[in-house]
Amino acid sequence: MTDLPPDRNTSDDSNPDTGVRRHRGPVAGAPRWVKVFGIIAVVLVLLFVISHLAGGGMGGHTP
């Protein structure tokens, strides 16, 4: 079996003639709005927990 020549673009995406890197396309991961809502949810949960630990509780709902 013959060996295939190495692919020029596997280790480096830069063009040797121009020195410009090619755009690789979209990055895998969660969209920005999902990250923003996640951060907001974490902050609200932390505020709720801190309020309860500080003795604030649920206000006047306890006898």
N, C-alpha and C. Protein backbone atom coordinates (compact mmCIF):
# COMPACT_ATOMS: atom_id res chain seq x y z
N MET A 1 0.85 -1.17 0.00
CA MET A 1 0.00 0.00 0.00
C MET A 1 0.90 1.23 0.00
N THR A 2 0.53 2.22 -0.78
CA THR A 2 1.35 3.43 -0.86
C THR A 2 0.93 4.42 0.21
N ASP A 3 1.90 5.14 0.70
CA ASP A 3 1.63 6.16 1.70
C ASP A 3 1.13 7.42 1.02
N LEU A 4 0.11 8.02 1.64
CA LEU A 4 -0.41 9.28 1.13
C LEU A 4 0.48 10.43 1.57
N PRO A 5 0.61 11.45 0.73
CA PRO A 5 1.41 12.61 1.16
C PRO A 5 0.73 13.31 2.32
N PRO A 6 1.49 13.92 3.21
CA PRO A 6 0.88 14.61 4.35
C PRO A 6 0.04 15.80 3.89
N ASP A 7 -1.06 15.99 4.60
CA ASP A 7 -1.94 17.11 4.31
C ASP A 7 -1.31 18.39 4.85
N ARG A 8 -1.19 19.40 4.01
CA ARG A 8 -0.53 20.64 4.42
C ARG A 8 -1.30 21.40 5.48
N ASN A 9 -2.62 21.23 5.54
CA ASN A 9 -3.45 22.05 6.43
C ASN A 9 -3.83 21.36 7.73
N THR A 10 -3.24 20.22 8.05
CA THR A 10 -3.65 19.54 9.27
C THR A 10 -3.04 20.15 10.51
N SER A 11 -1.82 20.62 10.47
CA SER A 11 -1.18 21.13 11.67
C SER A 11 -1.24 22.64 11.80
N ASP A 12 -1.39 23.34 10.69
CA ASP A 12 -1.37 24.81 10.75
C ASP A 12 -2.33 25.34 9.70
N ASP A 13 -3.20 26.24 10.09
CA ASP A 13 -4.16 26.82 9.15
C ASP A 13 -3.66 28.10 8.49
N SER A 14 -2.43 28.47 8.74
CA SER A 14 -1.94 29.71 8.15
C SER A 14 -1.47 29.45 6.72
N ASN A 15 -1.67 30.42 5.90
CA ASN A 15 -1.23 30.35 4.52
C ASN A 15 0.23 30.80 4.47
N PRO A 16 1.15 29.95 3.99
CA PRO A 16 2.56 30.34 4.00
C PRO A 16 2.86 31.52 3.07
N ASP A 17 1.99 31.73 2.07
CA ASP A 17 2.25 32.82 1.13
C ASP A 17 1.86 34.18 1.72
N THR A 18 0.74 34.23 2.46
CA THR A 18 0.25 35.51 2.96
C THR A 18 0.40 35.66 4.45
N GLY A 19 0.51 34.55 5.18
CA GLY A 19 0.58 34.61 6.63
C GLY A 19 -0.76 34.85 7.28
N VAL A 20 -1.84 34.76 6.49
CA VAL A 20 -3.19 35.00 7.00
C VAL A 20 -3.82 33.65 7.32
N ARG A 21 -4.47 33.59 8.47
CA ARG A 21 -5.14 32.35 8.87
C ARG A 21 -6.53 32.30 8.27
N ARG A 22 -6.94 31.10 7.89
CA ARG A 22 -8.27 30.93 7.35
C ARG A 22 -9.29 30.89 8.48
N HIS A 23 -10.51 31.31 8.16
CA HIS A 23 -11.59 31.26 9.15
C HIS A 23 -12.02 29.81 9.28
N ARG A 24 -12.12 29.31 10.51
CA ARG A 24 -12.43 27.91 10.74
C ARG A 24 -13.93 27.64 10.85
N GLY A 25 -14.77 28.64 10.80
CA GLY A 25 -16.21 28.42 10.91
C GLY A 25 -16.68 28.64 12.34
N PRO A 26 -17.95 28.31 12.58
CA PRO A 26 -18.51 28.53 13.92
C PRO A 26 -17.86 27.62 14.96
N VAL A 27 -17.76 28.15 16.17
CA VAL A 27 -17.18 27.41 17.28
C VAL A 27 -18.29 26.63 17.96
N ALA A 28 -18.04 25.38 18.26
CA ALA A 28 -19.04 24.56 18.93
C ALA A 28 -19.23 25.04 20.36
N GLY A 29 -20.44 25.06 20.82
CA GLY A 29 -20.73 25.49 22.19
C GLY A 29 -22.12 26.09 22.27
N ALA A 30 -22.47 26.49 23.47
CA ALA A 30 -23.80 27.06 23.69
C ALA A 30 -23.87 28.47 23.11
N PRO A 31 -25.04 28.86 22.61
CA PRO A 31 -25.22 30.23 22.13
C PRO A 31 -25.10 31.22 23.28
N ARG A 32 -24.85 32.45 22.94
CA ARG A 32 -24.65 33.50 23.94
C ARG A 32 -25.86 33.68 24.83
N TRP A 33 -27.07 33.60 24.27
CA TRP A 33 -28.27 33.82 25.09
C TRP A 33 -28.43 32.74 26.14
N VAL A 34 -28.00 31.53 25.85
CA VAL A 34 -28.08 30.46 26.84
C VAL A 34 -27.12 30.74 27.99
N LYS A 35 -25.93 31.21 27.67
CA LYS A 35 -24.95 31.54 28.71
C LYS A 35 -25.45 32.69 29.58
N VAL A 36 -26.06 33.70 28.96
CA VAL A 36 -26.56 34.86 29.71
C VAL A 36 -27.67 34.43 30.66
N PHE A 37 -28.64 33.65 30.17
CA PHE A 37 -29.72 33.19 31.04
C PHE A 37 -29.18 32.27 32.14
N GLY A 38 -28.18 31.48 31.85
CA GLY A 38 -27.58 30.63 32.87
C GLY A 38 -26.94 31.44 33.97
N ILE A 39 -26.22 32.50 33.59
CA ILE A 39 -25.57 33.36 34.58
C ILE A 39 -26.62 34.07 35.43
N ILE A 40 -27.69 34.56 34.79
CA ILE A 40 -28.76 35.22 35.54
C ILE A 40 -29.41 34.25 36.52
N ALA A 41 -29.65 33.02 36.09
CA ALA A 41 -30.27 32.02 36.97
C ALA A 41 -29.37 31.72 38.16
N VAL A 42 -28.08 31.59 37.94
CA VAL A 42 -27.14 31.31 39.03
C VAL A 42 -27.13 32.47 40.02
N VAL A 43 -27.13 33.69 39.53
CA VAL A 43 -27.12 34.86 40.40
C VAL A 43 -28.39 34.91 41.24
N LEU A 44 -29.55 34.64 40.63
CA LEU A 44 -30.80 34.66 41.39
C LEU A 44 -30.83 33.57 42.46
N VAL A 45 -30.34 32.39 42.14
CA VAL A 45 -30.29 31.32 43.13
C VAL A 45 -29.35 31.70 44.27
N LEU A 46 -28.21 32.27 43.95
CA LEU A 46 -27.28 32.69 45.00
C LEU A 46 -27.89 33.77 45.89
N LEU A 47 -28.60 34.73 45.31
CA LEU A 47 -29.26 35.76 46.11
C LEU A 47 -30.32 35.15 47.03
N PHE A 48 -31.06 34.17 46.54
CA PHE A 48 -32.08 33.49 47.34
C PHE A 48 -31.43 32.75 48.51
N VAL A 49 -30.35 32.03 48.24
CA VAL A 49 -29.66 31.28 49.29
C VAL A 49 -29.05 32.22 50.33
N ILE A 50 -28.42 33.29 49.87
CA ILE A 50 -27.81 34.25 50.79
C ILE A 50 -28.88 34.91 51.65
N SER A 51 -30.03 35.22 51.04
CA SER A 51 -31.13 35.83 51.81
C SER A 51 -31.61 34.89 52.91
N HIS A 52 -31.75 33.62 52.62
CA HIS A 52 -32.19 32.66 53.63
C HIS A 52 -31.13 32.46 54.71
N LEU A 53 -29.88 32.39 54.33
CA LEU A 53 -28.81 32.20 55.31
C LEU A 53 -28.64 33.42 56.22
N ALA A 54 -28.97 34.60 55.68
CA ALA A 54 -28.84 35.82 56.47
C ALA A 54 -30.04 36.04 57.40
N GLY A 55 -31.03 35.17 57.32
CA GLY A 55 -32.17 35.29 58.22
C GLY A 55 -33.35 35.98 57.60
N GLY A 56 -33.27 36.36 56.36
CA GLY A 56 -34.37 37.04 55.69
C GLY A 56 -35.54 36.12 55.43
N GLY A 57 -35.22 34.87 55.09
CA GLY A 57 -36.26 33.88 54.87
C GLY A 57 -37.23 34.30 53.79
N MET A 58 -38.50 33.97 54.00
CA MET A 58 -39.53 34.31 53.03
C MET A 58 -40.34 35.51 53.52
N GLY A 59 -39.79 36.33 54.34
CA GLY A 59 -40.50 37.50 54.82
C GLY A 59 -41.47 37.16 55.92
N GLY A 60 -42.75 37.48 55.76
CA GLY A 60 -43.75 37.27 56.79
C GLY A 60 -44.53 35.98 56.63
N HIS A 61 -43.99 35.00 55.95
CA HIS A 61 -44.72 33.76 55.73
C HIS A 61 -44.57 32.76 56.86
N THR A 62 -43.76 33.04 57.84
CA THR A 62 -43.59 32.09 58.95
C THR A 62 -44.42 32.56 60.16
N PRO A 63 -44.99 31.62 60.94
CA PRO A 63 -45.83 32.03 62.09
C PRO A 63 -45.01 32.63 63.22
